[in-house]
Amino acid sequence: MTVEQGGDSRRKADRYFDGTLGKRLVKLAPFNHPLTRLDIKELEKELGFRPEEERDIVLVCLGKETAVGAAVEDRDRLRKRGDVPKRLEVIELRTDPQYGKFFEHKPAQARVSVKWTRDRLAVEVTET
């Protein structure tokens, strides 16, 4: 999924965030591992360098650790108290009701034909 497919625009000048979704900043978590609490801490560290930034954040990931849900809830609780100014939303591309149809998982399938001709065996495998 490109940033443009999600309906947001790419920001070439930003070294950390990958674009915007409406007025919210978007960060694409690396797709080679699930979203972790460490990714959230890195986001918090980056936001610490941007005290003037007031936009909410959308984190897009491909899978997440179960502890991430609790971390986001804790952060949301702090935000309601006024300790954290920005709202954080996590979009998990495999399970999110709105974006979860991004992936379609099907078991592997193939057509296999086997033919004997005298002293040879011929096996043909084709995708379905």
Protein backbone atom coordinates (compact mmCIF):
# COMPACT_ATOMS: atom_id res chain seq x y z
CA MET A 1 0.00 0.00 0.00
CA THR A 2 1.38 3.34 -0.91
CA VAL A 3 0.68 6.39 1.13
CA GLU A 4 -1.42 7.72 -1.73
CA GLN A 5 -3.69 4.62 -1.73
CA GLY A 6 -4.69 5.33 1.87
CA GLY A 7 -5.98 8.73 0.86
CA ASP A 8 -3.15 10.75 2.30
CA SER A 9 -0.43 12.82 0.75
CA ARG A 10 3.31 12.32 0.89
CA ARG A 11 5.44 14.92 2.67
CA LYS A 12 8.88 14.99 1.09
CA ALA A 13 10.29 17.50 3.59
CA ASP A 14 9.62 15.39 6.70
CA ARG A 15 12.34 12.94 7.68
CA TYR A 16 10.19 10.94 10.12
CA PHE A 17 6.53 11.03 9.11
CA ASP A 18 5.44 9.49 5.81
CA GLY A 19 2.58 11.82 4.96
CA THR A 20 -0.75 13.16 6.13
CA LEU A 21 -4.27 11.77 6.31
CA GLY A 22 -6.53 14.80 6.36
CA LYS A 23 -4.97 16.96 9.09
CA ARG A 24 -3.30 14.01 10.86
CA LEU A 25 0.33 12.97 10.48
CA VAL A 26 0.91 9.41 9.20
CA LYS A 27 3.76 7.11 10.17
CA LEU A 28 4.11 3.77 8.38
CA ALA A 29 5.63 1.23 10.76
CA PRO A 30 8.12 -1.13 9.08
CA PHE A 31 6.18 -4.01 7.53
CA ASN A 32 8.92 -6.53 8.28
CA HIS A 33 7.86 -6.79 11.94
CA PRO A 34 4.72 -6.18 14.00
CA LEU A 35 4.22 -2.84 15.72
CA THR A 36 5.85 -2.91 19.16
CA ARG A 37 5.96 -0.70 22.24
CA LEU A 38 9.45 0.31 21.10
CA ASP A 39 7.92 1.77 17.92
CA ILE A 40 5.53 3.79 20.09
CA LYS A 41 8.46 5.01 22.23
CA GLU A 42 10.35 6.07 19.09
CA LEU A 43 7.27 8.02 18.02
CA GLU A 44 7.11 9.69 21.45
CA LYS A 45 10.81 10.56 21.20
CA GLU A 46 10.26 12.17 17.79
CA LEU A 47 7.28 14.14 19.11
CA GLY A 48 9.49 15.34 21.99
CA PHE A 49 11.62 17.11 19.37
CA ARG A 50 8.47 18.79 18.00
CA PRO A 51 6.77 20.52 20.96
CA GLU A 52 4.98 22.90 18.57
CA GLU A 53 3.34 20.01 16.64
CA GLU A 54 -0.34 19.78 17.52
CA ARG A 55 -1.68 17.42 14.86
CA ASP A 56 -2.94 13.95 15.78
CA ILE A 57 -0.97 10.89 14.65
CA VAL A 58 -1.99 7.81 12.64
CA LEU A 59 0.34 4.81 12.88
CA VAL A 60 -0.17 2.26 10.08
CA CYS A 61 1.18 -1.24 10.70
CA LEU A 62 1.01 -4.79 9.43
CA GLY A 63 0.38 -6.66 12.66
CA LYS A 64 0.94 -5.53 16.22
CA GLU A 65 1.97 -6.99 19.53
CA THR A 66 -0.81 -7.34 22.11
CA ALA A 67 1.00 -4.93 24.45
CA VAL A 68 0.60 -2.15 21.90
CA GLY A 69 -3.14 -1.89 22.60
CA ALA A 70 -2.46 -1.25 26.29
CA ALA A 71 0.25 1.29 25.46
CA VAL A 72 -2.12 3.23 23.19
CA GLU A 73 -4.87 3.11 25.85
CA ASP A 74 -2.42 4.41 28.49
CA ARG A 75 -1.37 7.19 26.15
CA ASP A 76 -5.02 8.06 25.46
CA ARG A 77 -5.68 8.20 29.21
CA LEU A 78 -2.77 10.65 29.61
CA ARG A 79 -4.08 12.70 26.71
CA LYS A 80 -7.46 13.09 28.40
CA ARG A 81 -5.67 14.41 31.51
CA GLY A 82 -3.83 16.91 29.34
CA ASP A 83 -0.37 15.35 29.72
CA VAL A 84 -0.15 14.28 26.05
CA PRO A 85 -1.46 16.76 23.45
CA LYS A 86 -1.81 14.52 20.40
CA ARG A 87 -4.25 11.66 19.81
CA LEU A 88 -2.72 8.43 18.47
CA GLU A 89 -4.68 6.09 16.22
CA VAL A 90 -3.31 2.71 15.10
CA ILE A 91 -4.48 1.21 11.82
CA GLU A 92 -3.60 -2.47 11.63
CA LEU A 93 -3.98 -3.51 8.00
CA ARG A 94 -4.82 -7.16 8.71
CA THR A 95 -7.64 -6.70 11.22
CA ASP A 96 -8.93 -3.12 11.01
CA PRO A 97 -12.64 -3.22 9.99
CA GLN A 98 -12.19 -0.31 7.57
CA TYR A 99 -8.84 -1.29 6.07
CA GLY A 100 -8.69 -5.00 6.91
CA LYS A 101 -9.74 -6.10 3.43
CA PHE A 102 -6.41 -4.84 2.14
CA PHE A 103 -5.06 -8.41 2.34
CA GLU A 104 -6.79 -11.54 1.19
CA HIS A 105 -5.38 -14.77 2.60
CA LYS A 106 -5.98 -17.91 0.56
CA PRO A 107 -4.37 -21.33 0.92
CA ALA A 108 -1.91 -22.24 -1.81
CA GLN A 109 -3.46 -24.13 -4.72
CA ALA A 110 -2.05 -25.84 -7.80
CA ARG A 111 -3.12 -28.30 -10.47
CA VAL A 112 -0.90 -31.36 -10.67
CA SER A 113 -1.00 -33.87 -13.49
CA VAL A 114 1.07 -37.05 -13.51
CA LYS A 115 1.67 -39.09 -16.70
CA TRP A 116 3.59 -42.32 -17.15
CA THR A 117 5.11 -42.98 -20.57
CA ARG A 118 7.00 -46.26 -20.71
CA ASP A 119 10.02 -45.62 -18.50
CA ARG A 120 9.40 -41.94 -17.71
CA LEU A 121 7.28 -40.06 -15.23
CA ALA A 122 6.10 -36.58 -16.22
CA VAL A 123 4.74 -34.28 -13.52
CA GLU A 124 3.21 -30.96 -14.50
CA VAL A 125 2.34 -28.35 -11.88
CA THR A 126 0.27 -25.29 -12.86
CA GLU A 127 -1.09 -22.47 -10.74
CA THR A 128 -4.82 -22.09 -10.39
